Amino acid sequence: VPSLDAPAGEPGNVKVSSEYIDAVKSGAAETIFHTRHTPDEVERTYTLHRVGGWPFLLAVGLVDSEYFAPWIKQVRWSGLIALLFLAGSALFAWRAVRHLRERTRMVQVRAEDLTKQRLLLEESRDGIVIIDQRGKVWETNRKFAEMLG
């Protein structure tokens, strides 16, 4: 279905492929085969099914583009999803590396600032004390300690 317009589509036509003959002779209840030698010369994948208890064979042939169409559609969607995942992962990795570099730079700047502050505090000839609003001493230099004895 649909029937062929050529003589190959007429009832009683006995021109079949050698793969079909082998499938029928095998006696298997179901078999699948692929052939290029079809009555209309279109390459197809066939499924042959014996109707149980009856002397009938059901043969269904699909052109590869029809047979693989759902699979090809699934492959395309899977590829698209994989591509989107790859792009998202690459974007995330780029942002993460950028963030880590910026954070590392900030840590280095802070370390340099602390080193400068420590040098200024310790090398000063004046006594320096840092006290919070409650009067708690946070930091002093050696000179301040010497001034207090």
N, C-alpha and C. Protein backbone atom coordinates (compact mmCIF):
# COMPACT_ATOMS: atom_id res chain seq x y z
N VAL A 1 0.87 -1.17 0.00
CA VAL A 1 0.00 0.00 0.00
C VAL A 1 0.90 1.22 0.00
N PRO A 2 0.80 2.08 -0.89
CA PRO A 2 -0.02 2.02 -2.08
C PRO A 2 0.58 1.04 -3.09
N SER A 3 -0.27 0.49 -3.97
CA SER A 3 0.22 -0.48 -4.95
C SER A 3 1.05 0.24 -6.01
N LEU A 4 1.96 -0.52 -6.58
CA LEU A 4 2.83 0.04 -7.62
C LEU A 4 2.06 0.13 -8.93
N ASP A 5 2.33 1.12 -9.73
CA ASP A 5 1.66 1.27 -11.02
C ASP A 5 2.27 0.36 -12.07
N ALA A 6 3.48 -0.11 -11.82
CA ALA A 6 4.19 -0.93 -12.79
C ALA A 6 3.71 -2.38 -12.69
N PRO A 7 4.11 -3.23 -13.62
CA PRO A 7 3.74 -4.66 -13.55
C PRO A 7 4.21 -5.32 -12.26
N ALA A 8 5.24 -4.78 -11.63
CA ALA A 8 5.73 -5.36 -10.38
C ALA A 8 4.70 -5.24 -9.26
N GLY A 9 3.75 -4.30 -9.38
CA GLY A 9 2.73 -4.12 -8.36
C GLY A 9 1.47 -4.91 -8.60
N GLU A 10 1.40 -5.66 -9.66
CA GLU A 10 0.20 -6.45 -10.01
C GLU A 10 0.13 -7.70 -9.13
N PRO A 11 -1.07 -8.12 -8.77
CA PRO A 11 -1.20 -9.39 -8.03
C PRO A 11 -0.64 -10.54 -8.85
N GLY A 12 0.02 -11.46 -8.16
CA GLY A 12 0.59 -12.63 -8.83
C GLY A 12 2.02 -12.42 -9.29
N ASN A 13 2.56 -11.24 -9.13
CA ASN A 13 3.95 -11.00 -9.51
C ASN A 13 4.85 -11.83 -8.61
N VAL A 14 5.78 -12.55 -9.18
CA VAL A 14 6.66 -13.43 -8.41
C VAL A 14 8.09 -12.91 -8.35
N LYS A 15 8.30 -11.72 -8.87
CA LYS A 15 9.66 -11.16 -8.83
C LYS A 15 9.92 -10.61 -7.42
N VAL A 16 10.76 -11.34 -6.64
CA VAL A 16 11.11 -10.92 -5.29
C VAL A 16 12.63 -11.02 -5.13
N SER A 17 13.14 -10.41 -4.09
CA SER A 17 14.59 -10.41 -3.87
C SER A 17 15.03 -11.73 -3.27
N SER A 18 16.31 -12.03 -3.41
CA SER A 18 16.87 -13.26 -2.83
C SER A 18 16.81 -13.20 -1.30
N GLU A 19 16.90 -11.99 -0.71
CA GLU A 19 16.80 -11.84 0.74
C GLU A 19 15.40 -12.25 1.23
N TYR A 20 14.38 -11.91 0.44
CA TYR A 20 13.00 -12.29 0.78
C TYR A 20 12.85 -13.80 0.74
N ILE A 21 13.39 -14.42 -0.31
CA ILE A 21 13.31 -15.88 -0.44
C ILE A 21 14.00 -16.56 0.74
N ASP A 22 15.19 -16.06 1.11
CA ASP A 22 15.92 -16.62 2.26
C ASP A 22 15.12 -16.46 3.55
N ALA A 23 14.45 -15.32 3.73
CA ALA A 23 13.66 -15.08 4.94
C ALA A 23 12.48 -16.04 5.01
N VAL A 24 11.82 -16.30 3.88
CA VAL A 24 10.68 -17.22 3.85
C VAL A 24 11.15 -18.64 4.13
N LYS A 25 12.28 -19.04 3.50
CA LYS A 25 12.80 -20.39 3.69
C LYS A 25 13.31 -20.64 5.11
N SER A 26 13.67 -19.57 5.82
CA SER A 26 14.21 -19.75 7.18
C SER A 26 13.17 -20.33 8.14
N GLY A 27 11.90 -20.10 7.89
CA GLY A 27 10.84 -20.63 8.74
C GLY A 27 10.64 -19.84 10.03
N ALA A 28 11.38 -18.76 10.22
CA ALA A 28 11.26 -17.95 11.44
C ALA A 28 9.89 -17.28 11.48
N ALA A 29 9.35 -17.11 12.70
CA ALA A 29 8.05 -16.46 12.85
C ALA A 29 8.14 -14.99 12.46
N GLU A 30 9.26 -14.36 12.78
CA GLU A 30 9.50 -12.96 12.40
C GLU A 30 10.95 -12.82 11.95
N THR A 31 11.15 -12.02 10.96
CA THR A 31 12.52 -11.74 10.51
C THR A 31 12.57 -10.35 9.89
N ILE A 32 13.74 -9.76 9.96
CA ILE A 32 13.97 -8.43 9.38
C ILE A 32 15.13 -8.56 8.41
N PHE A 33 14.98 -7.98 7.25
CA PHE A 33 16.09 -7.99 6.28
C PHE A 33 16.09 -6.69 5.48
N HIS A 34 17.22 -6.42 4.90
CA HIS A 34 17.40 -5.20 4.11
C HIS A 34 17.75 -5.61 2.69
N THR A 35 17.16 -4.98 1.71
CA THR A 35 17.45 -5.33 0.33
C THR A 35 17.43 -4.09 -0.57
N ARG A 36 18.24 -4.18 -1.60
CA ARG A 36 18.26 -3.15 -2.64
C ARG A 36 17.45 -3.61 -3.86
N HIS A 37 17.09 -4.90 -3.88
CA HIS A 37 16.43 -5.50 -5.04
C HIS A 37 14.94 -5.64 -4.78
N THR A 38 14.24 -4.54 -4.87
CA THR A 38 12.79 -4.52 -4.66
C THR A 38 12.09 -4.40 -6.01
N PRO A 39 10.81 -4.69 -6.08
CA PRO A 39 10.10 -4.59 -7.37
C PRO A 39 10.19 -3.20 -8.00
N ASP A 40 10.21 -2.15 -7.18
CA ASP A 40 10.29 -0.81 -7.75
C ASP A 40 11.70 -0.21 -7.67
N GLU A 41 12.68 -1.07 -7.32
CA GLU A 41 14.10 -0.67 -7.28
C GLU A 41 14.40 0.42 -6.23
N VAL A 42 13.61 0.46 -5.15
CA VAL A 42 13.85 1.39 -4.05
C VAL A 42 14.36 0.58 -2.87
N GLU A 43 15.51 0.93 -2.35
CA GLU A 43 16.12 0.21 -1.23
C GLU A 43 15.22 0.30 0.00
N ARG A 44 14.96 -0.88 0.64
CA ARG A 44 14.05 -0.91 1.78
C ARG A 44 14.55 -1.88 2.86
N THR A 45 14.02 -1.68 4.06
CA THR A 45 14.18 -2.63 5.16
C THR A 45 12.81 -3.27 5.36
N TYR A 46 12.77 -4.59 5.30
CA TYR A 46 11.51 -5.33 5.41
C TYR A 46 11.42 -6.07 6.74
N THR A 47 10.19 -6.19 7.22
CA THR A 47 9.87 -7.07 8.34
C THR A 47 8.90 -8.09 7.81
N LEU A 48 9.22 -9.37 8.01
CA LEU A 48 8.38 -10.46 7.54
C LEU A 48 7.80 -11.16 8.77
N HIS A 49 6.48 -11.30 8.81
CA HIS A 49 5.80 -11.90 9.96
C HIS A 49 4.86 -13.00 9.48
N ARG A 50 5.00 -14.18 10.07
CA ARG A 50 4.09 -15.29 9.73
C ARG A 50 2.85 -15.17 10.63
N VAL A 51 1.69 -15.23 10.02
CA VAL A 51 0.43 -15.14 10.76
C VAL A 51 0.17 -16.53 11.34
N GLY A 52 0.18 -16.62 12.68
CA GLY A 52 0.09 -17.91 13.38
C GLY A 52 -1.13 -18.73 13.00
N GLY A 53 -0.89 -20.00 12.64
CA GLY A 53 -1.98 -20.91 12.32
C GLY A 53 -2.58 -20.73 10.94
N TRP A 54 -2.11 -19.78 10.19
CA TRP A 54 -2.63 -19.52 8.85
C TRP A 54 -1.48 -19.54 7.85
N PRO A 55 -1.74 -19.85 6.63
CA PRO A 55 -0.68 -19.88 5.62
C PRO A 55 -0.45 -18.49 4.99
N PHE A 56 -0.29 -17.49 5.86
CA PHE A 56 -0.11 -16.13 5.36
C PHE A 56 1.19 -15.55 5.88
N LEU A 57 1.76 -14.70 5.06
CA LEU A 57 2.95 -13.94 5.45
C LEU A 57 2.61 -12.47 5.31
N LEU A 58 3.00 -11.70 6.29
CA LEU A 58 2.80 -10.26 6.24
C LEU A 58 4.18 -9.63 6.07
N ALA A 59 4.36 -8.91 4.99
CA ALA A 59 5.65 -8.26 4.72
C ALA A 59 5.42 -6.75 4.67
N VAL A 60 6.20 -6.03 5.47
CA VAL A 60 6.13 -4.57 5.49
C VAL A 60 7.51 -4.04 5.16
N GLY A 61 7.57 -3.21 4.14
CA GLY A 61 8.86 -2.63 3.74
C GLY A 61 8.85 -1.13 3.91
N LEU A 62 9.90 -0.62 4.53
CA LEU A 62 10.02 0.82 4.73
C LEU A 62 11.29 1.34 4.06
N VAL A 63 11.14 2.45 3.42
CA VAL A 63 12.31 3.13 2.87
C VAL A 63 13.13 3.64 4.04
N ASP A 64 14.46 3.61 3.90
CA ASP A 64 15.32 3.98 5.03
C ASP A 64 14.99 5.35 5.61
N SER A 65 14.62 6.30 4.77
CA SER A 65 14.30 7.63 5.30
C SER A 65 13.06 7.57 6.18
N GLU A 66 12.11 6.66 5.88
CA GLU A 66 10.93 6.48 6.73
C GLU A 66 11.29 5.66 7.96
N TYR A 67 12.09 4.63 7.75
CA TYR A 67 12.44 3.71 8.82
C TYR A 67 13.27 4.39 9.90
N PHE A 68 14.20 5.23 9.46
CA PHE A 68 15.09 5.90 10.40
C PHE A 68 14.63 7.30 10.79
N ALA A 69 13.51 7.75 10.27
CA ALA A 69 13.05 9.11 10.55
C ALA A 69 12.90 9.40 12.04
N PRO A 70 12.25 8.53 12.83
CA PRO A 70 12.15 8.83 14.27
C PRO A 70 13.52 8.84 14.94
N TRP A 71 14.36 7.91 14.54
CA TRP A 71 15.71 7.85 15.11
C TRP A 71 16.52 9.09 14.75
N ILE A 72 16.44 9.51 13.50
CA ILE A 72 17.17 10.72 13.06
C ILE A 72 16.67 11.94 13.81
N LYS A 73 15.35 12.02 14.00
CA LYS A 73 14.79 13.15 14.75
C LYS A 73 15.32 13.14 16.18
N GLN A 74 15.37 11.96 16.80
CA GLN A 74 15.87 11.85 18.16
C GLN A 74 17.36 12.20 18.22
N VAL A 75 18.12 11.78 17.24
CA VAL A 75 19.55 12.11 17.20
C VAL A 75 19.73 13.62 17.08
N ARG A 76 18.93 14.25 16.25
CA ARG A 76 19.04 15.71 16.09
C ARG A 76 18.72 16.43 17.40
N TRP A 77 17.62 16.02 18.06
CA TRP A 77 17.25 16.64 19.33
C TRP A 77 18.33 16.40 20.38
N SER A 78 18.83 15.17 20.43
CA SER A 78 19.89 14.85 21.39
C SER A 78 21.14 15.68 21.11
N GLY A 79 21.46 15.84 19.84
CA GLY A 79 22.61 16.67 19.47
C GLY A 79 22.41 18.11 19.87
N LEU A 80 21.20 18.62 19.65
CA LEU A 80 20.90 20.00 20.04
C LEU A 80 21.01 20.17 21.55
N ILE A 81 20.45 19.23 22.29
CA ILE A 81 20.53 19.29 23.75
C ILE A 81 21.99 19.21 24.20
N ALA A 82 22.76 18.31 23.59
CA ALA A 82 24.18 18.19 23.94
C ALA A 82 24.93 19.47 23.61
N LEU A 83 24.60 20.08 22.48
CA LEU A 83 25.25 21.34 22.09
C LEU A 83 24.90 22.45 23.08
N LEU A 84 23.63 22.54 23.47
CA LEU A 84 23.24 23.54 24.46
C LEU A 84 23.92 23.29 25.81
N PHE A 85 24.01 22.02 26.20
CA PHE A 85 24.70 21.68 27.45
C PHE A 85 26.17 22.05 27.36
N LEU A 86 26.80 21.76 26.23
CA LEU A 86 28.20 22.10 26.04
C LEU A 86 28.40 23.62 26.08
N ALA A 87 27.54 24.36 25.41
CA ALA A 87 27.64 25.82 25.43
C ALA A 87 27.42 26.37 26.83
N GLY A 88 26.42 25.84 27.53
CA GLY A 88 26.18 26.27 28.91
C GLY A 88 27.35 25.94 29.83
N SER A 89 27.91 24.75 29.66
CA SER A 89 29.05 24.35 30.48
C SER A 89 30.27 25.22 30.19
N ALA A 90 30.48 25.51 28.91
CA ALA A 90 31.61 26.36 28.54
C ALA A 90 31.43 27.77 29.11
N LEU A 91 30.22 28.30 29.03
CA LEU A 91 29.94 29.62 29.59
C LEU A 91 30.14 29.62 31.10
N PHE A 92 29.63 28.60 31.77
CA PHE A 92 29.80 28.49 33.22
C PHE A 92 31.28 28.39 33.58
N ALA A 93 32.03 27.56 32.86
CA ALA A 93 33.47 27.40 33.14
C ALA A 93 34.21 28.72 32.92
N TRP A 94 33.87 29.42 31.85
CA TRP A 94 34.53 30.70 31.56
C TRP A 94 34.25 31.70 32.69
N ARG A 95 32.96 31.76 33.12
CA ARG A 95 32.61 32.68 34.20
C ARG A 95 33.28 32.27 35.51
N ALA A 96 33.36 30.98 35.78
CA ALA A 96 33.99 30.50 37.01
C ALA A 96 35.48 30.83 37.02
N VAL A 97 36.16 30.62 35.90
CA VAL A 97 37.59 30.94 35.82
C VAL A 97 37.79 32.44 35.96
N ARG A 98 36.94 33.20 35.32
CA ARG A 98 37.03 34.67 35.44
C ARG A 98 36.84 35.11 36.89
N HIS A 99 35.85 34.53 37.56
CA HIS A 99 35.59 34.86 38.96
C HIS A 99 36.78 34.47 39.84
N LEU A 100 37.33 33.28 39.61
CA LEU A 100 38.47 32.83 40.41
C LEU A 100 39.70 33.71 40.19
N ARG A 101 39.92 34.12 38.96
CA ARG A 101 41.06 35.02 38.69
C ARG A 101 40.87 36.36 39.39
N GLU A 102 39.65 36.89 39.33
CA GLU A 102 39.36 38.16 39.99
C GLU A 102 39.51 38.02 41.50
N ARG A 103 39.05 36.92 42.03
CA ARG A 103 39.17 36.69 43.47
C ARG A 103 40.64 36.56 43.88
N THR A 104 41.41 35.85 43.10
CA THR A 104 42.84 35.71 43.37
C THR A 104 43.53 37.06 43.33
N ARG A 105 43.16 37.87 42.35
CA ARG A 105 43.74 39.21 42.25
C ARG A 105 43.38 40.05 43.47
N MET A 106 42.13 39.96 43.91
CA MET A 106 41.69 40.71 45.09
C MET A 106 42.43 40.24 46.35
N VAL A 107 42.64 38.93 46.47
CA VAL A 107 43.38 38.40 47.62
C VAL A 107 44.81 38.91 47.60
N GLN A 108 45.43 38.95 46.43
CA GLN A 108 46.80 39.46 46.32
C GLN A 108 46.86 40.94 46.68
N VAL A 109 45.89 41.71 46.18
CA VAL A 109 45.86 43.14 46.51
C VAL A 109 45.69 43.32 48.01
N ARG A 110 44.80 42.55 48.61
CA ARG A 110 44.57 42.64 50.06
C ARG A 110 45.83 42.26 50.83
N ALA A 111 46.52 41.22 50.39
CA ALA A 111 47.76 40.80 51.06
C ALA A 111 48.82 41.90 50.96
N GLU A 112 48.90 42.53 49.80
CA GLU A 112 49.86 43.62 49.64
C GLU A 112 49.50 44.80 50.55
N ASP A 113 48.20 45.10 50.63
CA ASP A 113 47.76 46.19 51.51
C ASP A 113 48.08 45.89 52.98
N LEU A 114 47.83 44.64 53.38
CA LEU A 114 48.13 44.26 54.76
C LEU A 114 49.63 44.32 55.05
N THR A 115 50.43 43.94 54.07
CA THR A 115 51.88 44.01 54.24
C THR A 115 52.33 45.46 54.39
N LYS A 116 51.79 46.33 53.55
CA LYS A 116 52.12 47.76 53.65
C LYS A 116 51.69 48.33 55.00
N GLN A 117 50.46 47.96 55.41
CA GLN A 117 49.95 48.44 56.69
C GLN A 117 50.84 47.95 57.84
N ARG A 118 51.23 46.67 57.80
CA ARG A 118 52.08 46.10 58.84
C ARG A 118 53.44 46.82 58.87
N LEU A 119 54.01 47.07 57.69
CA LEU A 119 55.31 47.77 57.64
C LEU A 119 55.19 49.18 58.21
N LEU A 120 54.13 49.89 57.81
CA LEU A 120 53.94 51.24 58.32
C LEU A 120 53.74 51.24 59.83
N LEU A 121 52.98 50.28 60.33
CA LEU A 121 52.70 50.20 61.75
C LEU A 121 53.96 49.86 62.55
N GLU A 122 54.72 48.88 62.10
CA GLU A 122 55.88 48.41 62.86
C GLU A 122 57.09 49.33 62.71
N GLU A 123 57.23 49.97 61.58
CA GLU A 123 58.42 50.79 61.35
C GLU A 123 58.23 52.25 61.78
N SER A 124 57.04 52.59 62.22
CA SER A 124 56.79 53.96 62.64
C SER A 124 57.55 54.28 63.93
N ARG A 125 58.05 55.55 64.05
CA ARG A 125 58.73 55.98 65.27
C ARG A 125 57.72 56.45 66.31
N ASP A 126 56.46 56.51 65.91
CA ASP A 126 55.39 56.92 66.83
C ASP A 126 54.68 55.67 67.35
N GLY A 127 54.11 55.82 68.53
CA GLY A 127 53.31 54.74 69.08
C GLY A 127 51.93 54.77 68.45
N ILE A 128 51.46 53.63 67.94
CA ILE A 128 50.17 53.56 67.26
C ILE A 128 49.34 52.46 67.92
N VAL A 129 48.06 52.80 68.18
CA VAL A 129 47.11 51.84 68.72
C VAL A 129 45.81 51.98 67.94
N ILE A 130 45.17 50.84 67.65
CA ILE A 130 43.87 50.84 66.95
C ILE A 130 42.85 50.26 67.92
N ILE A 131 41.84 51.10 68.23
CA ILE A 131 40.82 50.75 69.22
C ILE A 131 39.45 50.87 68.55
N ASP A 132 38.55 49.91 68.84
CA ASP A 132 37.20 50.01 68.28
C ASP A 132 36.35 50.94 69.14
N GLN A 133 35.07 51.11 68.81
CA GLN A 133 34.18 52.04 69.50
C GLN A 133 33.90 51.64 70.94
N ARG A 134 34.09 50.40 71.28
CA ARG A 134 33.85 49.93 72.65
C ARG A 134 35.12 50.00 73.51
N GLY A 135 36.21 50.42 72.90
CA GLY A 135 37.46 50.54 73.65
C GLY A 135 38.33 49.30 73.59
N LYS A 136 37.97 48.32 72.78
CA LYS A 136 38.77 47.11 72.65
C LYS A 136 39.96 47.39 71.74
N VAL A 137 41.14 46.98 72.17
CA VAL A 137 42.36 47.19 71.39
C VAL A 137 42.46 46.10 70.34
N TRP A 138 42.57 46.53 69.10
CA TRP A 138 42.68 45.59 67.99
C TRP A 138 44.12 45.39 67.57
N GLU A 139 44.88 46.47 67.58
CA GLU A 139 46.25 46.35 67.08
C GLU A 139 47.10 47.48 67.68
N THR A 140 48.35 47.13 67.98
CA THR A 140 49.31 48.14 68.45
C THR A 140 50.64 47.85 67.80
N ASN A 141 51.53 48.86 67.87
CA ASN A 141 52.89 48.58 67.42
C ASN A 141 53.83 48.49 68.63
N ARG A 142 55.03 48.07 68.39
CA ARG A 142 56.02 47.88 69.44
C ARG A 142 56.34 49.20 70.14
N LYS A 143 56.39 50.28 69.38
CA LYS A 143 56.70 51.59 69.93
C LYS A 143 55.67 52.02 70.98
N PHE A 144 54.40 51.73 70.72
CA PHE A 144 53.34 52.05 71.69
C PHE A 144 53.54 51.24 72.97
N ALA A 145 53.89 49.97 72.82
CA ALA A 145 54.12 49.11 74.00
C ALA A 145 55.31 49.66 74.82
N GLU A 146 56.35 50.12 74.14
CA GLU A 146 57.50 50.68 74.84
C GLU A 146 57.11 51.98 75.56
N MET A 147 56.23 52.77 74.96
CA MET A 147 55.79 54.01 75.58
C MET A 147 55.02 53.74 76.86
N LEU A 148 54.25 52.65 76.89
CA LEU A 148 53.48 52.32 78.07
C LEU A 148 54.32 51.55 79.12
N GLY A 149 55.44 51.06 78.66
CA GLY A 149 56.31 50.33 79.59
C GLY A 149 55.87 48.91 79.64
